[in-house]
């Protein structure tokens, strides 16, 4: 006769089977992430979509724009759970398309000769799988273009609902001929297993030959660490400083720009104080950059707004703003004008920057 177990024993048995099932599924998922982890090389040559026809000359002036576009899904309707908000999914496809159209319209207004973009999705669930890079290079059809991944995860399981698949990066467009573009891997501050589902941040270094000169215009597009304990930011900034110093030593004209997620030590950020409980940006000590460098951040117009709550209906006077986007420019470039463009954060949680410089012979 088959022995019957008591109800508590059967409950414990069922719980044990459930726990075992969860452990097996969890181990399987960790294995999946390990197998699919994005593991870029220290340096990788990036293909350049060649459409530009001209090269700049010494003595020539040109404009450079930089814009973190918030992957087309962080318009004025959005907040974000990692910044104190509640949203994970921040835009439906119609809003993504609306945001991208607004960004493209502003780029058409600025008409920059060179454009640095950050948080450009090419195939991500968070932006409804819209290939934003293709959208940009189709409109910028007289520019050379290149794209480098810095966030590529097959499936992010957190929070709930999960973020899901992310395929994103930074993009550089140039109305001047680009001879080469290289992805330079930055230090990753996260260890296994967190590393598998985190950004692998990089520099996108593009080289523009200068007509009648053996110098080059070196363009460095960047998006530095945001959510680490500070060590990653410091290591990434150190590597950036070393790269810029090496290019300056060659006599090249150098422009590095984008989202630093930090404020330069020479920038007065007192106009936008950090409110209690909000994320605070680290400071970049500019003295670690050896040589004649110019550090540009707009102290009057915020380059970024907090995602602790939606912006559209918020009190604009008490909102949390930041100055974390900017440029580092070599001393052989004369800065003619520089300003953040105040667009009211309608299409992105960042404002674009616009710089005009002249290459001094």
Protein backbone atom coordinates (compact mmCIF):
# COMPACT_ATOMS: atom_id res chain seq x y z
CA UNK A 1 0.00 0.00 0.00
CA UNK A 2 1.39 3.43 -1.07
CA UNK A 3 2.23 5.64 1.88
CA UNK A 4 0.34 8.95 1.95
CA UNK A 5 2.24 12.05 3.07
CA UNK A 6 0.68 14.59 5.38
CA UNK A 7 -0.50 17.95 4.01
CA UNK A 8 2.47 19.93 5.45
CA UNK A 9 4.91 17.50 3.86
CA UNK A 10 3.16 17.79 0.47
CA UNK A 11 3.21 21.59 0.74
CA UNK A 12 6.92 21.54 1.54
CA UNK A 13 7.53 19.19 -1.37
CA UNK A 14 5.65 21.45 -3.79
CA UNK A 15 7.51 24.50 -2.47
CA UNK A 16 10.82 22.71 -2.92
CA UNK A 17 9.97 21.84 -6.53
CA UNK A 18 8.93 25.44 -7.20
CA UNK A 19 12.16 26.73 -5.67
CA UNK A 20 14.20 24.28 -7.72
CA UNK A 21 12.38 25.39 -10.88
CA UNK A 22 13.10 29.05 -10.09
CA UNK A 23 16.77 28.27 -9.46
CA UNK A 24 17.09 26.32 -12.72
CA UNK A 25 15.40 29.10 -14.71
CA UNK A 26 17.55 31.77 -13.03
CA UNK A 27 20.73 29.83 -13.74
CA UNK A 28 19.60 29.35 -17.34
CA UNK A 29 18.94 33.06 -17.75
CA UNK A 30 22.33 33.99 -16.25
CA UNK A 31 23.88 31.53 -18.68
CA UNK A 32 21.98 33.14 -21.56
CA UNK A 33 23.23 36.60 -20.56
CA UNK A 34 26.78 35.25 -20.27
CA UNK A 35 26.65 33.72 -23.75
CA UNK A 36 25.13 36.83 -25.33
CA UNK A 37 27.15 39.44 -23.37
CA UNK A 38 28.47 42.28 -25.53
CA UNK A 39 32.26 42.04 -25.35
CA UNK A 40 33.84 44.71 -27.54
CA UNK A 41 37.57 44.88 -28.23
CA UNK A 42 39.69 47.66 -26.75
CA UNK A 43 39.75 49.33 -30.18
CA UNK A 44 37.50 48.57 -33.12
CA UNK A 45 37.40 50.18 -36.55
CA UNK A 46 33.90 51.50 -37.23
CA UNK A 47 32.47 51.67 -40.77
CA UNK A 48 31.87 55.18 -42.09
CA UNK A 49 28.85 55.87 -44.29
CA UNK A 50 30.52 58.15 -46.85
CA UNK A 51 28.41 60.99 -48.24
CA UNK A 52 30.51 64.11 -47.53
CA UNK A 53 32.45 65.72 -50.39
CA UNK A 54 34.57 68.48 -48.80
CA UNK A 55 37.54 68.83 -46.47
CA UNK A 56 38.09 71.81 -44.15
CA UNK A 57 41.05 74.19 -44.41
CA UNK A 58 43.06 75.92 -41.70
CA UNK A 59 41.57 79.31 -40.92
CA UNK A 60 38.08 77.98 -41.62
CA UNK A 61 35.18 78.29 -39.16
CA UNK A 62 32.62 75.55 -38.61
CA UNK A 63 29.93 74.51 -36.12
CA UNK A 64 29.65 71.47 -33.88
CA UNK A 65 26.47 70.32 -32.12
CA UNK A 66 26.19 67.73 -29.34
CA UNK A 67 22.93 66.22 -28.13
CA UNK A 68 21.90 63.35 -25.91
CA UNK A 69 18.58 62.51 -27.57
CA UNK A 70 17.28 60.31 -24.73
CA UNK A 71 16.81 57.35 -27.12
CA UNK A 72 13.79 59.13 -28.58
CA UNK A 73 11.67 58.20 -25.58
CA UNK A 74 12.48 60.75 -22.86
CA UNK A 75 10.36 63.72 -23.91
CA UNK A 76 8.58 66.10 -21.56
CA UNK A 77 5.97 63.45 -20.73
CA UNK A 78 8.52 61.07 -19.21
CA UNK A 79 10.07 60.27 -15.89
CA UNK A 80 12.36 57.28 -15.23
CA UNK A 81 12.58 54.80 -12.36
CA UNK A 82 16.37 55.08 -11.95
CA UNK A 83 16.10 58.84 -11.40
CA UNK A 84 13.34 58.66 -8.80
CA UNK A 85 10.41 58.47 -11.19
CA UNK A 86 8.07 55.54 -11.74
CA UNK A 87 8.17 54.84 -15.48
CA UNK A 88 10.05 52.08 -17.26
CA UNK A 89 8.30 52.33 -20.60
CA UNK A 90 8.26 56.07 -21.26
CA UNK A 91 6.85 56.37 -24.79
CA UNK A 92 4.69 54.49 -27.26
CA UNK A 93 5.76 54.33 -30.91
CA UNK A 94 3.81 57.46 -31.84
CA UNK A 95 5.62 59.46 -29.13
CA UNK A 96 9.01 58.05 -30.17
CA UNK A 97 8.33 59.14 -33.75
CA UNK A 98 7.18 62.56 -32.52
CA UNK A 99 10.35 63.00 -30.46
CA UNK A 100 12.66 61.96 -33.30
CA UNK A 101 10.87 64.28 -35.72
CA UNK A 102 11.27 67.16 -33.27
CA UNK A 103 14.97 66.41 -32.88
CA UNK A 104 15.49 66.22 -36.64
CA UNK A 105 13.67 69.54 -37.09
CA UNK A 106 15.99 71.23 -34.61
CA UNK A 107 19.06 69.74 -36.27
CA UNK A 108 17.82 71.17 -39.55
CA UNK A 109 17.51 74.57 -37.83
CA UNK A 110 21.01 74.41 -36.30
CA UNK A 111 22.60 73.02 -39.48
CA UNK A 112 25.81 71.94 -37.72
CA UNK A 113 28.84 70.95 -39.77
CA UNK A 114 29.55 68.22 -37.21
CA UNK A 115 27.04 66.45 -34.97
CA UNK A 116 27.65 64.30 -31.89
CA UNK A 117 24.62 62.29 -30.75
CA UNK A 118 24.30 60.11 -27.64
CA UNK A 119 21.66 57.52 -26.67
CA UNK A 120 20.78 56.59 -30.24
CA UNK A 121 18.75 53.36 -30.31
CA UNK A 122 18.88 51.06 -33.31
CA UNK A 123 16.85 48.09 -32.04
CA UNK A 124 15.50 48.50 -28.52
CA UNK A 125 12.20 47.63 -26.87
CA UNK A 126 12.29 50.89 -24.90
CA UNK A 127 12.04 52.87 -28.16
CA UNK A 128 9.64 50.51 -29.93
CA UNK A 129 12.43 49.03 -32.11
CA UNK A 130 12.72 52.23 -34.16
CA UNK A 131 16.10 52.37 -35.94
CA UNK A 132 16.98 55.92 -35.00
CA UNK A 133 20.44 55.90 -36.57
CA UNK A 134 18.92 55.09 -39.96
CA UNK A 135 16.43 57.93 -39.46
CA UNK A 136 19.31 60.36 -38.91
CA UNK A 137 21.56 59.29 -41.76
CA UNK A 138 18.66 59.29 -44.20
CA UNK A 139 18.02 62.96 -43.42
CA UNK A 140 21.70 63.86 -43.11
CA UNK A 141 22.40 62.49 -46.56
CA UNK A 142 25.33 64.84 -47.27
CA UNK A 143 27.21 63.83 -44.10
CA UNK A 144 29.64 61.06 -43.33
CA UNK A 145 28.21 58.99 -40.49
CA UNK A 146 29.41 56.41 -37.98
CA UNK A 147 27.82 54.57 -35.06
CA UNK A 148 29.37 52.77 -32.07
CA UNK A 149 27.48 50.61 -29.58
CA UNK A 150 27.81 51.37 -25.89
CA UNK A 151 24.72 49.49 -24.63
CA UNK A 152 23.84 46.11 -26.09
CA UNK A 153 21.94 43.56 -24.02
CA UNK A 154 19.79 40.71 -25.36
CA UNK A 155 17.25 41.15 -22.55
CA UNK A 156 17.28 43.27 -19.40
CA UNK A 157 15.10 41.44 -16.85
CA UNK A 158 14.54 44.36 -14.49
CA UNK A 159 12.50 46.12 -13.18
CA UNK A 160 8.86 45.11 -13.80
CA UNK A 161 7.78 45.37 -16.53
CA UNK A 162 11.34 44.68 -17.72
CA UNK A 163 13.33 46.97 -20.00
CA UNK A 164 13.94 44.06 -22.36
CA UNK A 165 16.24 44.18 -25.39
CA UNK A 166 18.55 47.20 -25.73
CA UNK A 167 20.75 48.00 -28.74
CA UNK A 168 22.02 51.57 -28.50
CA UNK A 169 25.06 53.79 -28.87
CA UNK A 170 26.60 57.06 -29.98
CA UNK A 171 26.71 58.50 -33.50
CA UNK A 172 28.86 61.10 -35.22
CA UNK A 173 27.91 62.91 -38.42
CA UNK A 174 30.29 65.15 -40.36
CA UNK A 175 29.75 67.35 -43.39
CA UNK A 176 33.52 66.98 -43.89
CA UNK A 177 35.14 63.82 -45.23
CA UNK A 178 36.02 61.39 -42.42
CA UNK A 179 39.05 59.21 -43.11
CA UNK A 180 38.42 56.79 -40.23
CA UNK A 181 36.35 56.17 -37.12
CA UNK A 182 37.46 54.03 -34.19
CA UNK A 183 35.56 52.81 -31.16
CA UNK A 184 37.75 53.08 -28.04
CA UNK A 185 36.54 51.02 -25.08
CA UNK A 186 36.43 52.88 -21.75
CA UNK A 187 36.93 51.21 -18.35
CA UNK A 188 33.83 49.34 -17.15
CA UNK A 189 33.24 49.90 -13.41
CA UNK A 190 30.87 46.96 -12.98
CA UNK A 191 31.87 43.38 -12.18
CA UNK A 192 30.14 40.12 -13.02
CA UNK A 193 27.18 39.56 -13.00
CA UNK A 194 26.08 43.23 -13.10
CA UNK A 195 28.54 43.86 -15.93
CA UNK A 196 26.56 41.62 -18.29
CA UNK A 197 23.50 43.87 -18.29
CA UNK A 198 25.24 47.23 -18.11
CA UNK A 199 26.64 49.77 -20.54
CA UNK A 200 30.08 49.26 -22.11
CA UNK A 201 30.83 52.93 -22.59
CA UNK A 202 33.22 54.12 -25.25
CA UNK A 203 34.72 57.01 -27.19
CA UNK A 204 33.95 57.32 -30.90
CA UNK A 205 37.06 58.91 -32.42
CA UNK A 206 36.70 60.22 -35.97
CA UNK A 207 39.49 61.74 -38.05
CA UNK A 208 38.96 64.51 -40.59
CA UNK A 209 41.84 65.32 -42.98
CA UNK A 210 42.60 69.04 -43.35
CA UNK A 211 43.15 70.34 -46.85
CA UNK A 212 46.73 71.51 -47.43
CA UNK A 213 47.94 70.32 -44.01
CA UNK A 214 49.35 67.21 -42.39
CA UNK A 215 47.27 67.95 -39.29
CA UNK A 216 43.91 66.34 -38.64
CA UNK A 217 40.68 67.45 -37.02
CA UNK A 218 40.04 64.79 -34.36
CA UNK A 219 36.44 64.44 -33.19
CA UNK A 220 35.73 62.57 -29.94
CA UNK A 221 32.09 61.73 -29.23
CA UNK A 222 31.45 60.56 -25.66
CA UNK A 223 28.89 59.56 -23.06
CA UNK A 224 30.55 58.88 -19.71
CA UNK A 225 29.31 56.83 -16.74
CA UNK A 226 26.18 57.87 -14.87
CA UNK A 227 25.18 55.34 -12.21
CA UNK A 228 28.45 54.06 -10.74
CA UNK A 229 29.97 55.01 -7.37
CA UNK A 230 32.29 57.56 -8.98
CA UNK A 231 35.33 55.38 -9.63
CA UNK A 232 34.19 54.57 -13.17
CA UNK A 233 33.77 58.24 -14.00
CA UNK A 234 37.27 59.00 -12.74
CA UNK A 235 38.89 56.16 -14.68
CA UNK A 236 37.01 57.03 -17.86
CA UNK A 237 37.92 60.72 -17.54
CA UNK A 238 41.58 59.79 -16.99
CA UNK A 239 41.59 57.71 -20.18
CA UNK A 240 39.92 60.56 -22.09
CA UNK A 241 42.58 63.01 -20.84
CA UNK A 242 45.37 60.69 -21.99
CA UNK A 243 43.86 60.29 -25.44
CA UNK A 244 43.36 64.04 -25.88
CA UNK A 245 46.92 64.76 -24.73
CA UNK A 246 48.29 62.30 -27.31
CA UNK A 247 46.33 63.94 -30.13
CA UNK A 248 47.28 67.45 -29.04
CA UNK A 249 50.96 66.45 -28.97
CA UNK A 250 50.68 65.66 -32.70
CA UNK A 251 49.50 69.22 -33.36
CA UNK A 252 46.00 68.09 -34.27
CA UNK A 253 42.86 70.14 -33.77
CA UNK A 254 40.77 68.28 -31.19
CA UNK A 255 37.13 68.53 -30.10
CA UNK A 256 35.65 66.17 -27.51
CA UNK A 257 31.99 66.59 -26.72
CA UNK A 258 28.81 65.03 -25.44
CA UNK A 259 27.31 63.93 -22.14
CA UNK A 260 30.00 63.90 -19.44
CA UNK A 261 27.49 63.13 -16.64
CA UNK A 262 29.76 65.43 -14.62
CA UNK A 263 30.43 69.15 -14.28
CA UNK A 264 33.77 70.78 -15.06
CA UNK A 265 35.55 72.23 -12.03
CA UNK A 266 35.76 75.54 -13.94
CA UNK A 267 31.98 75.70 -14.40
CA UNK A 268 29.81 77.60 -11.95
CA UNK A 269 26.80 75.36 -11.38
CA UNK A 270 25.27 77.49 -8.65
CA UNK A 271 22.36 78.53 -10.87
CA UNK A 272 21.07 74.94 -10.71
CA UNK A 273 21.66 73.66 -7.14
CA UNK A 274 21.04 70.01 -6.38
CA UNK A 275 17.91 69.56 -4.31
CA UNK A 276 17.80 67.12 -1.39
CA UNK A 277 17.32 63.53 -2.49
CA UNK A 278 18.17 64.12 -6.15
CA UNK A 279 21.09 62.71 -8.12
CA UNK A 280 24.20 64.91 -7.93
CA UNK A 281 26.85 65.11 -10.66
CA UNK A 282 30.50 64.50 -9.83
CA UNK A 283 33.06 67.16 -10.67
CA UNK A 284 35.79 66.79 -13.29
CA UNK A 285 39.04 68.34 -12.09
CA UNK A 286 40.22 69.98 -15.31
CA UNK A 287 43.83 70.18 -14.08
CA UNK A 288 44.25 66.51 -15.00
CA UNK A 289 44.07 67.53 -18.67
CA UNK A 290 47.63 68.51 -19.51
CA UNK A 291 48.00 71.17 -22.17
CA UNK A 292 46.12 74.14 -23.52
CA UNK A 293 42.46 73.07 -23.30
CA UNK A 294 39.20 75.00 -23.22
CA UNK A 295 36.34 73.56 -21.13
CA UNK A 296 32.87 74.63 -22.25
CA UNK A 297 29.59 74.23 -20.37
CA UNK A 298 26.74 76.73 -20.46
CA UNK A 299 26.21 78.12 -16.96
CA UNK A 300 22.97 79.92 -17.85
CA UNK A 301 20.95 77.29 -19.74
CA UNK A 302 20.69 73.78 -18.25
CA UNK A 303 21.81 71.01 -20.54
CA UNK A 304 19.74 68.35 -18.76
CA UNK A 305 16.67 68.01 -16.57
CA UNK A 306 15.92 65.45 -13.89
CA UNK A 307 13.73 62.48 -14.74
CA UNK A 308 12.31 62.33 -11.21
CA UNK A 309 8.93 63.39 -12.65
CA UNK A 310 7.40 64.43 -15.99
CA UNK A 311 8.31 67.94 -17.13
CA UNK A 312 5.29 69.01 -19.16
CA UNK A 313 3.02 70.02 -16.26
CA UNK A 314 5.68 70.58 -13.59
CA UNK A 315 6.65 73.84 -11.91
CA UNK A 316 9.55 74.97 -14.13
CA UNK A 317 10.91 77.35 -11.49
CA UNK A 318 11.52 74.65 -8.90
CA UNK A 319 12.49 71.78 -11.20
CA UNK A 320 15.83 70.01 -10.87
CA UNK A 321 18.23 70.96 -13.70
CA UNK A 322 21.85 70.04 -14.43
CA UNK A 323 24.86 71.23 -16.41
CA UNK A 324 26.57 67.98 -17.49
CA UNK A 325 26.95 68.25 -21.28
CA UNK A 326 29.81 70.15 -22.84
CA UNK A 327 32.93 70.32 -24.98
CA UNK A 328 36.68 70.12 -24.45
CA UNK A 329 38.46 72.04 -27.21
CA UNK A 330 42.18 72.23 -28.00
CA UNK A 331 43.92 75.60 -27.72
CA UNK A 332 44.60 75.85 -31.47
CA UNK A 333 40.85 76.23 -32.04
CA UNK A 334 39.40 79.68 -31.42
CA UNK A 335 35.97 79.50 -29.80
CA UNK A 336 33.72 82.00 -31.58
CA UNK A 337 30.38 81.17 -29.94
CA UNK A 338 29.01 78.51 -27.62
CA UNK A 339 25.59 78.00 -26.03
CA UNK A 340 23.07 75.40 -24.97
CA UNK A 341 19.88 75.68 -27.01
CA UNK A 342 16.90 76.08 -24.68
CA UNK A 343 14.21 73.85 -26.23
CA UNK A 344 12.15 73.23 -23.11
CA UNK A 345 13.03 69.51 -23.02
CA UNK A 346 10.07 68.70 -25.26
CA UNK A 347 11.74 65.94 -27.31
CA UNK A 348 14.57 64.88 -24.98
CA UNK A 349 15.65 65.25 -21.38
CA UNK A 350 18.76 67.07 -22.68
CA UNK A 351 19.17 70.34 -24.55
CA UNK A 352 21.53 70.42 -27.54
CA UNK A 353 24.79 72.38 -27.49
CA UNK A 354 26.03 74.46 -30.41
CA UNK A 355 29.65 75.53 -30.81
CA UNK A 356 31.41 77.58 -33.50
CA UNK A 357 35.19 77.40 -33.74
CA UNK A 358 37.94 78.53 -36.12
CA UNK A 359 41.02 76.47 -36.89
CA UNK A 360 43.99 78.73 -36.24
CA UNK A 361 47.01 78.04 -38.52
